[in-house]
Amino acid sequence: MWNMKARKGSSTESVRTGGVYRVACGGNLVETATVLAVDDDSFGIPHVRYQVSIGRSDNHVFEKGPRVLALSCFAEHYNLALGS
């Protein structure tokens, strides 16, 4: 599902509650993630809980979430920080 090769991405230190991040999915799709919380799990691994919306170039938006990813995976996938 995710491309696990090293690639440019958001720094894990920059991922904060309220932050908005985006990734182009190809074609006319763009995923936008809004961070709801960043917390450690019971093993001390930081995870991001976020709401995701998937938009098309015709301004049609699908809302999905909330979802959870390990912080490092989130920062690698959502590689464009839009701000908070």
PDB file of N, CA and C in Angstrom:
ATOM      1  N   MET A   1       0.822  -1.183   0.000  1.00  0.00           N
ATOM      2  CA  MET A   1       0.000   0.000   0.000  1.00  0.00           C
ATOM      3  C   MET A   1       0.872   1.255   0.000  1.00  0.00           C
ATOM      4  N   TRP A   2       1.748   1.435   0.972  1.00  0.00           N
ATOM      5  CA  TRP A   2       2.634   2.592   1.025  1.00  0.00           C
ATOM      6  C   TRP A   2       3.946   2.253   0.357  1.00  0.00           C
ATOM      7  N   ASN A   3       4.564   3.224  -0.264  1.00  0.00           N
ATOM      8  CA  ASN A   3       5.891   3.043  -0.819  1.00  0.00           C
ATOM      9  C   ASN A   3       6.884   3.250   0.316  1.00  0.00           C
ATOM     10  N   MET A   4       7.561   2.189   0.747  1.00  0.00           N
ATOM     11  CA  MET A   4       8.434   2.261   1.910  1.00  0.00           C
ATOM     12  C   MET A   4       9.853   2.715   1.582  1.00  0.00           C
ATOM     13  N   LYS A   5      10.144   3.037   0.312  1.00  0.00           N
ATOM     14  CA  LYS A   5      11.470   3.554  -0.040  1.00  0.00           C
ATOM     15  C   LYS A   5      11.648   4.926   0.588  1.00  0.00           C
ATOM     16  N   ALA A   6      12.900   5.255   0.868  1.00  0.00           N
ATOM     17  CA  ALA A   6      13.192   6.577   1.422  1.00  0.00           C
ATOM     18  C   ALA A   6      12.820   7.625   0.382  1.00  0.00           C
ATOM     19  N   ARG A   7      12.111   8.660   0.830  1.00  0.00           N
ATOM     20  CA  ARG A   7      11.752   9.741  -0.059  1.00  0.00           C
ATOM     21  C   ARG A   7      11.578  10.989   0.763  1.00  0.00           C
ATOM     22  N   LYS A   8      11.527  12.123   0.095  1.00  0.00           N
ATOM     23  CA  LYS A   8      11.328  13.364   0.818  1.00  0.00           C
ATOM     24  C   LYS A   8      10.009  13.301   1.557  1.00  0.00           C
ATOM     25  N   GLY A   9      10.002  13.794   2.782  1.00  0.00           N
ATOM     26  CA  GLY A   9       8.772  13.790   3.555  1.00  0.00           C
ATOM     27  C   GLY A   9       8.846  14.829   4.650  1.00  0.00           C
ATOM     28  N   SER A  10       7.747  15.031   5.314  1.00  0.00           N
ATOM     29  CA  SER A  10       7.716  15.957   6.437  1.00  0.00           C
ATOM     30  C   SER A  10       8.580  15.395   7.547  1.00  0.00           C
ATOM     31  N   SER A  11       9.248  16.268   8.248  1.00  0.00           N
ATOM     32  CA  SER A  11      10.005  15.849   9.413  1.00  0.00           C
ATOM     33  C   SER A  11       9.027  15.413  10.492  1.00  0.00           C
ATOM     34  N   THR A  12       9.373  14.354  11.211  1.00  0.00           N
ATOM     35  CA  THR A  12       8.482  13.888  12.270  1.00  0.00           C
ATOM     36  C   THR A  12       8.328  14.946  13.361  1.00  0.00           C
ATOM     37  N   GLU A  13       9.330  15.801  13.540  1.00  0.00           N
ATOM     38  CA  GLU A  13       9.259  16.850  14.561  1.00  0.00           C
ATOM     39  C   GLU A  13       8.237  17.915  14.188  1.00  0.00           C
ATOM     40  N   SER A  14       7.921  18.057  12.899  1.00  0.00           N
ATOM     41  CA  SER A  14       7.000  19.110  12.472  1.00  0.00           C
ATOM     42  C   SER A  14       5.541  18.684  12.540  1.00  0.00           C
ATOM     43  N   VAL A  15       5.270  17.414  12.791  1.00  0.00           N
ATOM     44  CA  VAL A  15       3.885  16.935  12.845  1.00  0.00           C
ATOM     45  C   VAL A  15       3.291  17.300  14.202  1.00  0.00           C
ATOM     46  N   ARG A  16       2.279  18.150  14.177  1.00  0.00           N
ATOM     47  CA  ARG A  16       1.662  18.662  15.402  1.00  0.00           C
ATOM     48  C   ARG A  16       0.141  18.583  15.304  1.00  0.00           C
ATOM     49  N   THR A  17      -0.508  18.517  16.452  1.00  0.00           N
ATOM     50  CA  THR A  17      -1.966  18.565  16.505  1.00  0.00           C
ATOM     51  C   THR A  17      -2.443  19.840  15.816  1.00  0.00           C
ATOM     52  N   GLY A  18      -3.423  19.684  14.929  1.00  0.00           N
ATOM     53  CA  GLY A  18      -3.957  20.816  14.183  1.00  0.00           C
ATOM     54  C   GLY A  18      -3.264  21.043  12.852  1.00  0.00           C
ATOM     55  N   GLY A  19      -2.122  20.385  12.637  1.00  0.00           N
ATOM     56  CA  GLY A  19      -1.389  20.534  11.383  1.00  0.00           C
ATOM     57  C   GLY A  19      -2.156  19.937  10.213  1.00  0.00           C
ATOM     58  N   VAL A  20      -1.931  20.489   9.025  1.00  0.00           N
ATOM     59  CA  VAL A  20      -2.585  20.011   7.812  1.00  0.00           C
ATOM     60  C   VAL A  20      -1.497  19.614   6.824  1.00  0.00           C
ATOM     61  N   TYR A  21      -1.618  18.407   6.277  1.00  0.00           N
ATOM     62  CA  TYR A  21      -0.602  17.836   5.394  1.00  0.00           C
ATOM     63  C   TYR A  21      -1.284  17.271   4.157  1.00  0.00           C
ATOM     64  N   ARG A  22      -0.562  17.241   3.038  1.00  0.00           N
ATOM     65  CA  ARG A  22      -1.164  16.820   1.783  1.00  0.00           C
ATOM     66  C   ARG A  22      -0.214  15.930   0.992  1.00  0.00           C
ATOM     67  N   VAL A  23      -0.807  15.050   0.172  1.00  0.00           N
ATOM     68  CA  VAL A  23      -0.045  14.226  -0.763  1.00  0.00           C
ATOM     69  C   VAL A  23      -0.883  14.064  -2.025  1.00  0.00           C
ATOM     70  N   ALA A  24      -0.228  14.186  -3.186  1.00  0.00           N
ATOM     71  CA  ALA A  24      -0.896  13.930  -4.462  1.00  0.00           C
ATOM     72  C   ALA A  24      -0.906  12.426  -4.693  1.00  0.00           C
ATOM     73  N   CYS A  25      -2.056  11.888  -5.064  1.00  0.00           N
ATOM     74  CA  CYS A  25      -2.216  10.442  -5.221  1.00  0.00           C
ATOM     75  C   CYS A  25      -2.174  10.016  -6.675  1.00  0.00           C
ATOM     76  N   GLY A  26      -1.896  10.897  -7.573  1.00  0.00           N
ATOM     77  CA  GLY A  26      -1.901  10.570  -8.987  1.00  0.00           C
ATOM     78  C   GLY A  26      -3.218  10.959  -9.620  1.00  0.00           C
ATOM     79  N   GLY A  27      -3.163  11.163 -10.913  1.00  0.00           N
ATOM     80  CA  GLY A  27      -4.377  11.589 -11.601  1.00  0.00           C
ATOM     81  C   GLY A  27      -4.838  12.913 -11.045  1.00  0.00           C
ATOM     82  N   ASN A  28      -6.102  12.974 -10.696  1.00  0.00           N
ATOM     83  CA  ASN A  28      -6.652  14.218 -10.158  1.00  0.00           C
ATOM     84  C   ASN A  28      -7.013  14.111  -8.680  1.00  0.00           C
ATOM     85  N   LEU A  29      -6.411  13.159  -7.951  1.00  0.00           N
ATOM     86  CA  LEU A  29      -6.720  12.968  -6.537  1.00  0.00           C
ATOM     87  C   LEU A  29      -5.646  13.555  -5.621  1.00  0.00           C
ATOM     88  N   VAL A  30      -6.102  14.177  -4.543  1.00  0.00           N
ATOM     89  CA  VAL A  30      -5.211  14.719  -3.518  1.00  0.00           C
ATOM     90  C   VAL A  30      -5.776  14.325  -2.155  1.00  0.00           C
ATOM     91  N   GLU A  31      -4.914  13.768  -1.282  1.00  0.00           N
ATOM     92  CA  GLU A  31      -5.300  13.457   0.098  1.00  0.00           C
ATOM     93  C   GLU A  31      -4.852  14.595   0.990  1.00  0.00           C
ATOM     94  N   THR A  32      -5.734  15.040   1.859  1.00  0.00           N
ATOM     95  CA  THR A  32      -5.401  16.062   2.844  1.00  0.00           C
ATOM     96  C   THR A  32      -5.677  15.484   4.229  1.00  0.00           C
ATOM     97  N   ALA A  33      -4.678  15.534   5.103  1.00  0.00           N
ATOM     98  CA  ALA A  33      -4.796  14.995   6.456  1.00  0.00           C
ATOM     99  C   ALA A  33      -4.714  16.134   7.463  1.00  0.00           C
ATOM    100  N   THR A  34      -5.665  16.147   8.392  1.00  0.00           N
ATOM    101  CA  THR A  34      -5.653  17.105   9.490  1.00  0.00           C
ATOM    102  C   THR A  34      -5.382  16.321  10.769  1.00  0.00           C
ATOM    103  N   VAL A  35      -4.297  16.670  11.458  1.00  0.00           N
ATOM    104  CA  VAL A  35      -3.868  15.932  12.648  1.00  0.00           C
ATOM    105  C   VAL A  35      -4.777  16.261  13.829  1.00  0.00           C
ATOM    106  N   LEU A  36      -5.351  15.208  14.415  1.00  0.00           N
ATOM    107  CA  LEU A  36      -6.210  15.346  15.590  1.00  0.00           C
ATOM    108  C   LEU A  36      -5.423  15.203  16.883  1.00  0.00           C
ATOM    109  N   ALA A  37      -4.404  14.318  16.870  1.00  0.00           N
ATOM    110  CA  ALA A  37      -3.587  14.087  18.067  1.00  0.00           C
ATOM    111  C   ALA A  37      -2.321  13.335  17.684  1.00  0.00           C
ATOM    112  N   VAL A  38      -1.269  13.550  18.470  1.00  0.00           N
ATOM    113  CA  VAL A  38      -0.024  12.786  18.358  1.00  0.00           C
ATOM    114  C   VAL A  38       0.270  12.252  19.754  1.00  0.00           C
ATOM    115  N   ASP A  39       0.220  10.924  19.895  1.00  0.00           N
ATOM    116  CA  ASP A  39       0.399  10.291  21.200  1.00  0.00           C
ATOM    117  C   ASP A  39       1.227   9.022  21.060  1.00  0.00           C
ATOM    118  N   ASP A  40       1.888   8.619  22.147  1.00  0.00           N
ATOM    119  CA  ASP A  40       2.620   7.354  22.173  1.00  0.00           C
ATOM    120  C   ASP A  40       1.652   6.219  22.482  1.00  0.00           C
ATOM    121  N   ASP A  41       1.907   5.048  21.868  1.00  0.00           N
ATOM    122  CA  ASP A  41       1.112   3.870  22.208  1.00  0.00           C
ATOM    123  C   ASP A  41       1.702   3.222  23.460  1.00  0.00           C
ATOM    124  N   SER A  42       1.195   2.061  23.841  1.00  0.00           N
ATOM    125  CA  SER A  42       1.643   1.402  25.073  1.00  0.00           C
ATOM    126  C   SER A  42       3.095   0.926  25.005  1.00  0.00           C
ATOM    127  N   PHE A  43       3.671   0.886  23.801  1.00  0.00           N
ATOM    128  CA  PHE A  43       5.079   0.502  23.638  1.00  0.00           C
ATOM    129  C   PHE A  43       5.988   1.720  23.484  1.00  0.00           C
ATOM    130  N   GLY A  44       5.424   2.912  23.589  1.00  0.00           N
ATOM    131  CA  GLY A  44       6.199   4.139  23.469  1.00  0.00           C
ATOM    132  C   GLY A  44       6.408   4.599  22.037  1.00  0.00           C
ATOM    133  N   ILE A  45       5.712   3.997  21.078  1.00  0.00           N
ATOM    134  CA  ILE A  45       5.846   4.377  19.666  1.00  0.00           C
ATOM    135  C   ILE A  45       4.845   5.493  19.370  1.00  0.00           C
ATOM    136  N   PRO A  46       5.315   6.640  18.868  1.00  0.00           N
ATOM    137  CA  PRO A  46       4.388   7.736  18.585  1.00  0.00           C
ATOM    138  C   PRO A  46       3.499   7.435  17.375  1.00  0.00           C
ATOM    139  N   HIS A  47       2.213   7.743  17.534  1.00  0.00           N
ATOM    140  CA  HIS A  47       1.226   7.557  16.477  1.00  0.00           C
ATOM    141  C   HIS A  47       0.458   8.854  16.261  1.00  0.00           C
ATOM    142  N   VAL A  48      -0.029   9.020  15.036  1.00  0.00           N
ATOM    143  CA  VAL A  48      -0.810  10.192  14.664  1.00  0.00           C
ATOM    144  C   VAL A  48      -2.253   9.744  14.427  1.00  0.00           C
ATOM    145  N   ARG A  49      -3.186  10.412  15.077  1.00  0.00           N
ATOM    146  CA  ARG A  49      -4.605  10.209  14.783  1.00  0.00           C
ATOM    147  C   ARG A  49      -5.024  11.401  13.937  1.00  0.00           C
ATOM    148  N   TYR A  50      -5.636  11.134  12.774  1.00  0.00           N
ATOM    149  CA  TYR A  50      -5.915  12.209  11.827  1.00  0.00           C
ATOM    150  C   TYR A  50      -7.202  11.952  11.057  1.00  0.00           C
ATOM    151  N   GLN A  51      -7.759  13.024  10.544  1.00  0.00           N
ATOM    152  CA  GLN A  51      -8.927  12.993   9.671  1.00  0.00           C
ATOM    153  C   GLN A  51      -8.406  13.181   8.256  1.00  0.00           C
ATOM    154  N   VAL A  52      -8.895  12.400   7.322  1.00  0.00           N
ATOM    155  CA  VAL A  52      -8.426  12.520   5.946  1.00  0.00           C
ATOM    156  C   VAL A  52      -9.584  12.855   5.025  1.00  0.00           C
ATOM    157  N   SER A  53      -9.304  13.735   4.057  1.00  0.00           N
ATOM    158  CA  SER A  53     -10.269  14.002   3.001  1.00  0.00           C
ATOM    159  C   SER A  53      -9.552  13.772   1.675  1.00  0.00           C
ATOM    160  N   ILE A  54     -10.284  13.214   0.736  1.00  0.00           N
ATOM    161  CA  ILE A  54      -9.733  12.919  -0.580  1.00  0.00           C
ATOM    162  C   ILE A  54     -10.495  13.777  -1.576  1.00  0.00           C
ATOM    163  N   GLY A  55      -9.767  14.642  -2.261  1.00  0.00           N
ATOM    164  CA  GLY A  55     -10.401  15.569  -3.185  1.00  0.00           C
ATOM    165  C   GLY A  55     -10.011  15.303  -4.626  1.00  0.00           C
ATOM    166  N   ARG A  56     -10.925  15.652  -5.513  1.00  0.00           N
ATOM    167  CA  ARG A  56     -10.670  15.551  -6.950  1.00  0.00           C
ATOM    168  C   ARG A  56     -10.592  16.955  -7.522  1.00  0.00           C
ATOM    169  N   SER A  57     -10.059  17.052  -8.736  1.00  0.00           N
ATOM    170  CA  SER A  57      -9.900  18.354  -9.369  1.00  0.00           C
ATOM    171  C   SER A  57     -11.248  19.040  -9.640  1.00  0.00           C
ATOM    172  N   ASP A  58     -12.337  18.290  -9.627  1.00  0.00           N
ATOM    173  CA  ASP A  58     -13.662  18.891  -9.826  1.00  0.00           C
ATOM    174  C   ASP A  58     -14.273  19.375  -8.509  1.00  0.00           C
ATOM    175  N   ASN A  59     -13.432  19.476  -7.469  1.00  0.00           N
ATOM    176  CA  ASN A  59     -13.814  19.965  -6.131  1.00  0.00           C
ATOM    177  C   ASN A  59     -14.738  19.027  -5.380  1.00  0.00           C
ATOM    178  N   HIS A  60     -14.877  17.795  -5.817  1.00  0.00           N
ATOM    179  CA  HIS A  60     -15.647  16.794  -5.069  1.00  0.00           C
ATOM    180  C   HIS A  60     -14.743  16.231  -3.980  1.00  0.00           C
ATOM    181  N   VAL A  61     -15.195  16.235  -2.737  1.00  0.00           N
ATOM    182  CA  VAL A  61     -14.370  15.808  -1.606  1.00  0.00           C
ATOM    183  C   VAL A  61     -15.061  14.663  -0.872  1.00  0.00           C
ATOM    184  N   PHE A  62     -14.286  13.621  -0.573  1.00  0.00           N
ATOM    185  CA  PHE A  62     -14.745  12.498   0.237  1.00  0.00           C
ATOM    186  C   PHE A  62     -14.057  12.607   1.591  1.00  0.00           C
ATOM    187  N   GLU A  63     -14.815  12.543   2.674  1.00  0.00           N
ATOM    188  CA  GLU A  63     -14.256  12.589   4.025  1.00  0.00           C
ATOM    189  C   GLU A  63     -14.111  11.174   4.557  1.00  0.00           C
ATOM    190  N   LYS A  64     -12.949  10.856   5.112  1.00  0.00           N
ATOM    191  CA  LYS A  64     -12.686   9.545   5.710  1.00  0.00           C
ATOM    192  C   LYS A  64     -11.974   9.756   7.039  1.00  0.00           C
ATOM    193  N   GLY A  65     -12.230   8.868   7.978  1.00  0.00           N
ATOM    194  CA  GLY A  65     -11.455   8.947   9.207  1.00  0.00           C
ATOM    195  C   GLY A  65     -12.344   8.918  10.414  1.00  0.00           C
ATOM    196  N   PRO A  66     -11.800   9.089  11.590  1.00  0.00           N
ATOM    197  CA  PRO A  66     -10.365   9.277  11.812  1.00  0.00           C
ATOM    198  C   PRO A  66      -9.576   8.006  11.564  1.00  0.00           C
ATOM    199  N   ARG A  67      -8.301   8.192  11.298  1.00  0.00           N
ATOM    200  CA  ARG A  67      -7.374   7.092  11.048  1.00  0.00           C
ATOM    201  C   ARG A  67      -6.157   7.254  11.949  1.00  0.00           C
ATOM    202  N   VAL A  68      -5.351   6.179  12.052  1.00  0.00           N
ATOM    203  CA  VAL A  68      -4.149   6.203  12.882  1.00  0.00           C
ATOM    204  C   VAL A  68      -2.988   5.600  12.102  1.00  0.00           C
ATOM    205  N   LEU A  69      -1.836   6.264  12.153  1.00  0.00           N
ATOM    206  CA  LEU A  69      -0.591   5.756  11.570  1.00  0.00           C
ATOM    207  C   LEU A  69       0.547   6.039  12.535  1.00  0.00           C
ATOM    208  N   ALA A  70       1.581   5.205  12.475  1.00  0.00           N
ATOM    209  CA  ALA A  70       2.804   5.521  13.216  1.00  0.00           C
ATOM    210  C   ALA A  70       3.314   6.861  12.700  1.00  0.00           C
ATOM    211  N   LEU A  71       3.870   7.662  13.585  1.00  0.00           N
ATOM    212  CA  LEU A  71       4.347   8.996  13.222  1.00  0.00           C
ATOM    213  C   LEU A  71       5.308   8.965  12.042  1.00  0.00           C
ATOM    214  N   SER A  72       6.251   8.027  12.028  1.00  0.00           N
ATOM    215  CA  SER A  72       7.233   7.975  10.938  1.00  0.00           C
ATOM    216  C   SER A  72       6.565   7.672   9.597  1.00  0.00           C
ATOM    217  N   CYS A  73       5.572   6.793   9.577  1.00  0.00           N
ATOM    218  CA  CYS A  73       4.841   6.474   8.334  1.00  0.00           C
ATOM    219  C   CYS A  73       4.013   7.664   7.874  1.00  0.00           C
ATOM    220  N   PHE A  74       3.379   8.348   8.821  1.00  0.00           N
ATOM    221  CA  PHE A  74       2.579   9.519   8.482  1.00  0.00           C
ATOM    222  C   PHE A  74       3.453  10.591   7.828  1.00  0.00           C
ATOM    223  N   ALA A  75       4.603  10.893   8.453  1.00  0.00           N
ATOM    224  CA  ALA A  75       5.493  11.935   7.940  1.00  0.00           C
ATOM    225  C   ALA A  75       6.063  11.567   6.572  1.00  0.00           C
ATOM    226  N   GLU A  76       6.286  10.285   6.336  1.00  0.00           N
ATOM    227  CA  GLU A  76       6.808   9.848   5.035  1.00  0.00           C
ATOM    228  C   GLU A  76       5.738   9.966   3.954  1.00  0.00           C
ATOM    229  N   HIS A  77       4.503   9.607   4.286  1.00  0.00           N
ATOM    230  CA  HIS A  77       3.433   9.605   3.282  1.00  0.00           C
ATOM    231  C   HIS A  77       2.926  11.012   2.970  1.00  0.00           C
ATOM    232  N   TYR A  78       2.593  11.786   4.019  1.00  0.00           N
ATOM    233  CA  TYR A  78       2.060  13.133   3.814  1.00  0.00           C
ATOM    234  C   TYR A  78       3.236  14.103   3.749  1.00  0.00           C
ATOM    235  N   ASN A  79       3.738  14.305   2.539  1.00  0.00           N
ATOM    236  CA  ASN A  79       5.021  14.979   2.358  1.00  0.00           C
ATOM    237  C   ASN A  79       4.941  16.470   2.106  1.00  0.00           C
ATOM    238  N   LEU A  80       3.770  17.077   2.215  1.00  0.00           N
ATOM    239  CA  LEU A  80       3.642  18.507   2.026  1.00  0.00           C
ATOM    240  C   LEU A  80       2.866  19.105   3.192  1.00  0.00           C
ATOM    241  N   ALA A  81       3.558  19.844   4.054  1.00  0.00           N
ATOM    242  CA  ALA A  81       2.909  20.489   5.195  1.00  0.00           C
ATOM    243  C   ALA A  81       2.270  21.785   4.724  1.00  0.00           C
ATOM    244  N   LEU A  82       0.976  21.959   5.029  1.00  0.00           N
ATOM    245  CA  LEU A  82       0.252  23.169   4.628  1.00  0.00           C
ATOM    246  C   LEU A  82       0.154  24.169   5.752  1.00  0.00           C
ATOM    247  N   GLY A  83       0.422  23.746   6.969  1.00  0.00           N
ATOM    248  CA  GLY A  83       0.353  24.642   8.125  1.00  0.00           C
ATOM    249  C   GLY A  83      -0.589  24.111   9.173  1.00  0.00           C
ATOM    250  N   SER A  84      -0.790  24.919  10.207  1.00  0.00           N
ATOM    251  CA  SER A  84      -1.695  24.500  11.284  1.00  0.00           C
ATOM    252  C   SER A  84      -2.642  25.598  11.629  1.00  0.00           C
TER     253      SER A  84
END
